[in-house]
N, C-alpha and C. Protein backbone atom coordinates (compact mmCIF):
# COMPACT_ATOMS: atom_id res chain seq x y z
N MET A 1 -106.28 2.57 87.11
CA MET A 1 -105.52 2.80 88.31
C MET A 1 -105.32 4.31 88.44
N SER A 2 -105.61 4.86 89.60
CA SER A 2 -105.38 6.29 89.83
C SER A 2 -104.25 6.46 90.83
N SER A 3 -103.71 7.67 90.88
CA SER A 3 -102.60 7.94 91.77
C SER A 3 -102.48 9.43 92.02
N THR A 4 -101.81 9.78 93.09
CA THR A 4 -101.46 11.16 93.39
C THR A 4 -99.98 11.20 93.71
N VAL A 5 -99.39 12.38 93.64
CA VAL A 5 -98.00 12.51 94.05
C VAL A 5 -97.97 12.35 95.56
N GLY A 6 -97.24 11.37 96.03
CA GLY A 6 -97.19 11.10 97.45
C GLY A 6 -95.87 11.49 98.09
N HIS A 7 -94.82 11.59 97.31
CA HIS A 7 -93.50 11.87 97.89
C HIS A 7 -92.58 12.35 96.78
N VAL A 8 -91.76 13.31 97.07
CA VAL A 8 -90.73 13.78 96.15
C VAL A 8 -89.40 13.63 96.88
N GLU A 9 -88.39 13.10 96.21
CA GLU A 9 -87.09 12.87 96.84
C GLU A 9 -86.02 13.66 96.10
N ILE A 10 -85.20 14.38 96.85
CA ILE A 10 -84.09 15.15 96.31
C ILE A 10 -82.82 14.58 96.93
N VAL A 11 -81.91 14.08 96.09
CA VAL A 11 -80.73 13.38 96.58
C VAL A 11 -79.46 14.09 96.12
N GLY A 12 -78.52 14.20 97.01
CA GLY A 12 -77.22 14.81 96.72
C GLY A 12 -76.43 14.84 98.01
N ASP A 13 -75.86 15.97 98.37
CA ASP A 13 -75.19 16.14 99.65
C ASP A 13 -76.30 16.40 100.67
N GLY A 14 -76.74 15.36 101.36
CA GLY A 14 -77.90 15.44 102.24
C GLY A 14 -77.93 16.63 103.19
N PRO A 15 -76.94 16.76 104.09
CA PRO A 15 -76.97 17.88 105.03
C PRO A 15 -76.98 19.25 104.35
N LYS A 16 -76.21 19.39 103.28
CA LYS A 16 -76.16 20.68 102.57
C LYS A 16 -77.52 20.99 101.94
N LEU A 17 -78.14 19.99 101.28
CA LEU A 17 -79.43 20.22 100.65
C LEU A 17 -80.54 20.42 101.68
N GLN A 18 -80.46 19.74 102.80
CA GLN A 18 -81.45 19.95 103.86
C GLN A 18 -81.40 21.39 104.35
N LYS A 19 -80.19 21.89 104.56
CA LYS A 19 -80.02 23.28 104.99
C LYS A 19 -80.53 24.24 103.91
N PHE A 20 -80.15 23.99 102.66
CA PHE A 20 -80.54 24.85 101.54
C PHE A 20 -82.06 24.94 101.42
N TYR A 21 -82.74 23.79 101.31
CA TYR A 21 -84.19 23.82 101.12
C TYR A 21 -84.92 24.30 102.37
N GLY A 22 -84.38 23.99 103.54
CA GLY A 22 -84.97 24.48 104.77
C GLY A 22 -84.96 25.99 104.83
N GLU A 23 -83.81 26.57 104.48
CA GLU A 23 -83.69 28.03 104.49
C GLU A 23 -84.46 28.68 103.34
N LEU A 24 -84.40 28.07 102.16
CA LEU A 24 -85.06 28.64 100.99
C LEU A 24 -86.58 28.73 101.18
N PHE A 25 -87.19 27.65 101.66
CA PHE A 25 -88.64 27.59 101.75
C PHE A 25 -89.18 27.66 103.17
N GLY A 26 -88.30 27.74 104.17
CA GLY A 26 -88.76 27.78 105.56
C GLY A 26 -89.29 26.44 106.04
N TRP A 27 -88.83 25.35 105.44
CA TRP A 27 -89.31 24.02 105.81
C TRP A 27 -88.65 23.55 107.09
N GLU A 28 -89.44 22.90 107.93
CA GLU A 28 -88.92 22.17 109.09
C GLU A 28 -88.51 20.80 108.56
N ILE A 29 -87.24 20.47 108.65
CA ILE A 29 -86.75 19.20 108.11
C ILE A 29 -86.26 18.33 109.25
N ASP A 30 -86.88 17.16 109.37
CA ASP A 30 -86.52 16.22 110.42
C ASP A 30 -85.62 15.14 109.83
N ALA A 31 -84.36 15.14 110.22
CA ALA A 31 -83.40 14.13 109.75
C ALA A 31 -82.89 13.29 110.92
N ASP A 32 -83.67 13.23 111.99
CA ASP A 32 -83.28 12.50 113.18
C ASP A 32 -83.66 11.03 113.04
N ASN A 33 -82.90 10.31 112.20
CA ASN A 33 -83.11 8.88 112.01
C ASN A 33 -81.78 8.26 111.61
N GLU A 34 -81.71 6.96 111.60
CA GLU A 34 -80.42 6.29 111.35
C GLU A 34 -79.85 6.56 109.97
N TRP A 35 -80.67 6.97 109.00
CA TRP A 35 -80.19 7.23 107.64
C TRP A 35 -79.92 8.71 107.42
N GLN A 36 -80.23 9.55 108.41
CA GLN A 36 -80.15 11.01 108.27
C GLN A 36 -80.94 11.47 107.06
N TYR A 37 -82.08 10.77 106.85
CA TYR A 37 -82.98 11.08 105.74
C TYR A 37 -83.89 12.21 106.19
N GLY A 38 -83.72 13.37 105.60
CA GLY A 38 -84.51 14.53 105.99
C GLY A 38 -85.91 14.47 105.42
N MET A 39 -86.91 14.71 106.25
CA MET A 39 -88.31 14.70 105.79
C MET A 39 -88.93 16.06 106.08
N ALA A 40 -89.58 16.61 105.06
CA ALA A 40 -90.33 17.86 105.19
C ALA A 40 -91.73 17.60 104.67
N THR A 41 -92.72 18.21 105.28
CA THR A 41 -94.10 18.10 104.82
C THR A 41 -94.65 19.51 104.71
N PRO A 42 -94.43 20.15 103.55
CA PRO A 42 -94.82 21.55 103.40
C PRO A 42 -96.26 21.80 102.97
N GLY A 43 -97.16 20.87 103.23
CA GLY A 43 -98.57 21.09 102.89
C GLY A 43 -99.01 20.32 101.67
N GLY A 44 -98.20 19.48 101.13
CA GLY A 44 -98.53 18.65 99.98
C GLY A 44 -97.90 17.30 100.20
N PRO A 45 -97.29 16.74 99.17
CA PRO A 45 -96.59 15.47 99.38
C PRO A 45 -95.38 15.69 100.30
N THR A 46 -94.96 14.61 100.95
CA THR A 46 -93.75 14.71 101.75
C THR A 46 -92.56 14.92 100.81
N ILE A 47 -91.51 15.52 101.33
CA ILE A 47 -90.30 15.75 100.56
C ILE A 47 -89.14 15.20 101.35
N GLY A 48 -88.42 14.26 100.75
CA GLY A 48 -87.25 13.68 101.38
C GLY A 48 -85.99 14.28 100.79
N ILE A 49 -85.05 14.64 101.65
CA ILE A 49 -83.78 15.21 101.20
C ILE A 49 -82.67 14.38 101.83
N ALA A 50 -81.89 13.72 100.99
CA ALA A 50 -80.97 12.73 101.52
C ALA A 50 -79.62 12.77 100.82
N GLY A 51 -78.65 12.10 101.45
CA GLY A 51 -77.34 11.94 100.85
C GLY A 51 -77.40 10.93 99.72
N SER A 52 -76.54 11.09 98.74
CA SER A 52 -76.50 10.21 97.58
C SER A 52 -75.65 8.99 97.89
N GLN A 53 -76.14 7.82 97.51
CA GLN A 53 -75.39 6.58 97.71
C GLN A 53 -74.18 6.50 96.76
N ASP A 54 -74.33 7.06 95.55
CA ASP A 54 -73.28 6.94 94.55
C ASP A 54 -72.60 8.26 94.22
N GLY A 55 -72.91 9.31 94.99
CA GLY A 55 -72.30 10.60 94.77
C GLY A 55 -72.94 11.43 93.67
N LYS A 56 -73.98 10.91 93.03
CA LYS A 56 -74.65 11.62 91.94
C LYS A 56 -75.95 12.24 92.44
N PRO A 57 -76.22 13.50 92.08
CA PRO A 57 -77.49 14.10 92.46
C PRO A 57 -78.63 13.49 91.65
N ALA A 58 -79.82 13.51 92.22
CA ALA A 58 -80.99 12.97 91.54
C ALA A 58 -82.25 13.50 92.21
N SER A 59 -83.35 13.36 91.54
CA SER A 59 -84.65 13.63 92.17
C SER A 59 -85.63 12.60 91.63
N THR A 60 -86.56 12.20 92.48
CA THR A 60 -87.53 11.17 92.11
C THR A 60 -88.90 11.59 92.61
N ILE A 61 -89.89 11.44 91.77
CA ILE A 61 -91.27 11.65 92.16
C ILE A 61 -91.85 10.28 92.49
N TYR A 62 -92.50 10.17 93.64
CA TYR A 62 -93.14 8.92 94.04
C TYR A 62 -94.65 9.09 93.95
N LEU A 63 -95.29 8.22 93.22
CA LEU A 63 -96.74 8.25 93.07
C LEU A 63 -97.35 7.19 93.97
N THR A 64 -98.37 7.56 94.71
CA THR A 64 -99.01 6.60 95.61
C THR A 64 -99.89 5.66 94.80
N VAL A 65 -99.84 4.39 95.17
CA VAL A 65 -100.66 3.36 94.53
C VAL A 65 -101.20 2.43 95.60
N ASP A 66 -102.23 1.68 95.25
CA ASP A 66 -102.83 0.72 96.19
C ASP A 66 -102.03 -0.57 96.29
N ASP A 67 -101.38 -0.96 95.20
CA ASP A 67 -100.63 -2.21 95.18
C ASP A 67 -99.36 -2.01 94.36
N LEU A 68 -98.22 -2.04 95.03
CA LEU A 68 -96.94 -1.80 94.36
C LEU A 68 -96.66 -2.79 93.24
N GLN A 69 -96.85 -4.07 93.51
CA GLN A 69 -96.51 -5.08 92.52
C GLN A 69 -97.41 -4.99 91.30
N VAL A 70 -98.69 -4.75 91.49
CA VAL A 70 -99.61 -4.60 90.36
C VAL A 70 -99.19 -3.41 89.50
N ALA A 71 -98.86 -2.30 90.13
CA ALA A 71 -98.44 -1.11 89.38
C ALA A 71 -97.11 -1.35 88.66
N LEU A 72 -96.17 -2.02 89.33
CA LEU A 72 -94.87 -2.31 88.72
C LEU A 72 -95.04 -3.26 87.53
N ASP A 73 -95.88 -4.27 87.69
CA ASP A 73 -96.13 -5.21 86.59
C ASP A 73 -96.75 -4.49 85.39
N LYS A 74 -97.70 -3.60 85.66
CA LYS A 74 -98.35 -2.88 84.57
C LYS A 74 -97.34 -1.97 83.85
N ALA A 75 -96.49 -1.29 84.63
CA ALA A 75 -95.47 -0.43 84.04
C ALA A 75 -94.56 -1.24 83.11
N GLU A 76 -94.16 -2.44 83.56
CA GLU A 76 -93.30 -3.29 82.74
C GLU A 76 -94.00 -3.73 81.45
N LYS A 77 -95.28 -4.05 81.55
CA LYS A 77 -96.05 -4.44 80.36
C LYS A 77 -96.13 -3.30 79.35
N LEU A 78 -96.05 -2.06 79.85
CA LEU A 78 -96.14 -0.89 78.98
C LEU A 78 -94.77 -0.42 78.50
N GLY A 79 -93.72 -1.18 78.80
CA GLY A 79 -92.39 -0.85 78.28
C GLY A 79 -91.39 -0.32 79.29
N ALA A 80 -91.76 -0.27 80.56
CA ALA A 80 -90.84 0.18 81.61
C ALA A 80 -89.96 -0.98 82.06
N ARG A 81 -88.95 -0.66 82.87
CA ARG A 81 -88.05 -1.66 83.45
C ARG A 81 -88.04 -1.46 84.96
N ALA A 82 -88.32 -2.53 85.70
CA ALA A 82 -88.29 -2.44 87.16
C ALA A 82 -86.85 -2.13 87.60
N VAL A 83 -86.70 -1.20 88.54
CA VAL A 83 -85.39 -0.85 89.08
C VAL A 83 -85.27 -1.38 90.51
N GLN A 84 -86.25 -1.08 91.35
CA GLN A 84 -86.26 -1.51 92.75
C GLN A 84 -87.57 -2.25 93.01
N PRO A 85 -87.51 -3.50 93.44
CA PRO A 85 -88.75 -4.22 93.73
C PRO A 85 -89.42 -3.64 94.97
N PRO A 86 -90.66 -4.00 95.24
CA PRO A 86 -91.32 -3.51 96.45
C PRO A 86 -90.45 -3.76 97.68
N THR A 87 -90.20 -2.68 98.42
CA THR A 87 -89.29 -2.71 99.56
C THR A 87 -89.94 -1.99 100.74
N PRO A 88 -90.04 -2.66 101.89
CA PRO A 88 -90.67 -2.01 103.05
C PRO A 88 -89.77 -0.96 103.69
N ILE A 89 -90.41 0.08 104.21
CA ILE A 89 -89.76 1.09 105.04
C ILE A 89 -90.54 1.07 106.35
N PRO A 90 -90.03 0.37 107.36
CA PRO A 90 -90.78 0.21 108.60
C PRO A 90 -91.28 1.54 109.17
N GLY A 91 -92.55 1.57 109.50
CA GLY A 91 -93.16 2.75 110.08
C GLY A 91 -93.70 3.75 109.07
N TYR A 92 -93.41 3.55 107.78
CA TYR A 92 -93.86 4.49 106.75
C TYR A 92 -94.71 3.80 105.67
N GLY A 93 -94.22 2.71 105.13
CA GLY A 93 -94.91 2.04 104.03
C GLY A 93 -93.92 1.23 103.23
N SER A 94 -94.13 1.18 101.92
CA SER A 94 -93.26 0.44 101.02
C SER A 94 -93.10 1.24 99.73
N PHE A 95 -92.00 0.97 99.02
CA PHE A 95 -91.78 1.67 97.76
C PHE A 95 -91.20 0.72 96.72
N ALA A 96 -91.29 1.12 95.47
CA ALA A 96 -90.66 0.44 94.35
C ALA A 96 -90.32 1.52 93.34
N THR A 97 -89.41 1.23 92.41
CA THR A 97 -89.12 2.19 91.35
C THR A 97 -89.02 1.46 90.01
N PHE A 98 -89.27 2.22 88.95
CA PHE A 98 -89.10 1.70 87.61
C PHE A 98 -88.52 2.79 86.73
N ALA A 99 -87.90 2.37 85.63
CA ALA A 99 -87.41 3.31 84.62
C ALA A 99 -88.43 3.28 83.49
N ASP A 100 -88.95 4.44 83.12
CA ASP A 100 -89.92 4.50 82.03
C ASP A 100 -89.23 4.20 80.70
N PRO A 101 -89.96 4.10 79.60
CA PRO A 101 -89.32 3.74 78.33
C PRO A 101 -88.18 4.66 77.89
N ASP A 102 -88.14 5.91 78.41
CA ASP A 102 -87.02 6.80 78.09
C ASP A 102 -85.93 6.78 79.15
N GLY A 103 -86.10 6.00 80.21
CA GLY A 103 -85.08 5.88 81.25
C GLY A 103 -85.30 6.74 82.48
N ASN A 104 -86.37 7.54 82.53
CA ASN A 104 -86.66 8.33 83.73
C ASN A 104 -87.09 7.41 84.87
N VAL A 105 -86.47 7.55 86.03
CA VAL A 105 -86.82 6.71 87.17
C VAL A 105 -87.98 7.36 87.92
N ILE A 106 -89.03 6.59 88.10
CA ILE A 106 -90.24 7.02 88.79
C ILE A 106 -90.46 6.08 89.96
N GLY A 107 -90.86 6.64 91.10
CA GLY A 107 -91.11 5.84 92.28
C GLY A 107 -92.59 5.58 92.48
N LEU A 108 -92.87 4.46 93.11
CA LEU A 108 -94.21 4.10 93.54
C LEU A 108 -94.18 3.97 95.05
N PHE A 109 -95.22 4.42 95.71
CA PHE A 109 -95.23 4.38 97.18
C PHE A 109 -96.59 3.92 97.68
N LYS A 110 -96.59 3.11 98.70
CA LYS A 110 -97.80 2.68 99.38
C LYS A 110 -97.60 2.99 100.86
N TYR A 111 -98.42 3.89 101.40
CA TYR A 111 -98.31 4.25 102.80
C TYR A 111 -98.76 3.12 103.69
N GLU A 112 -98.12 2.98 104.82
CA GLU A 112 -98.50 1.99 105.82
C GLU A 112 -99.74 2.50 106.53
N VAL A 113 -100.70 1.64 106.70
CA VAL A 113 -101.94 2.01 107.39
C VAL A 113 -101.84 1.55 108.84
N GLY A 114 -102.22 2.44 109.77
CA GLY A 114 -102.24 2.04 111.17
C GLY A 114 -101.23 2.67 111.93
């Protein structure tokens, strides 16, 4: 199974971090959606900058895969623990997350085609 970095997520105080990274790197950040989830595409993987659900800062790397469930199952067989099952994001694709054997949370992403 091969993969590339498809998305990086930075979570904390969403509006503050969107302003910070926008000014720091000159990124155009679009947060005009119901979740106020800021999206930047600086020439590589997309970067999401969002508010934290639990008040804790975090960052997650999302690796693109062809089949979320197959990748999640393989990760579990290798000692990982599923955190978020495959979940659709209408208009974008689907994602899942797992904790690796040391507890690092890694995301999997499948872009929507069409």
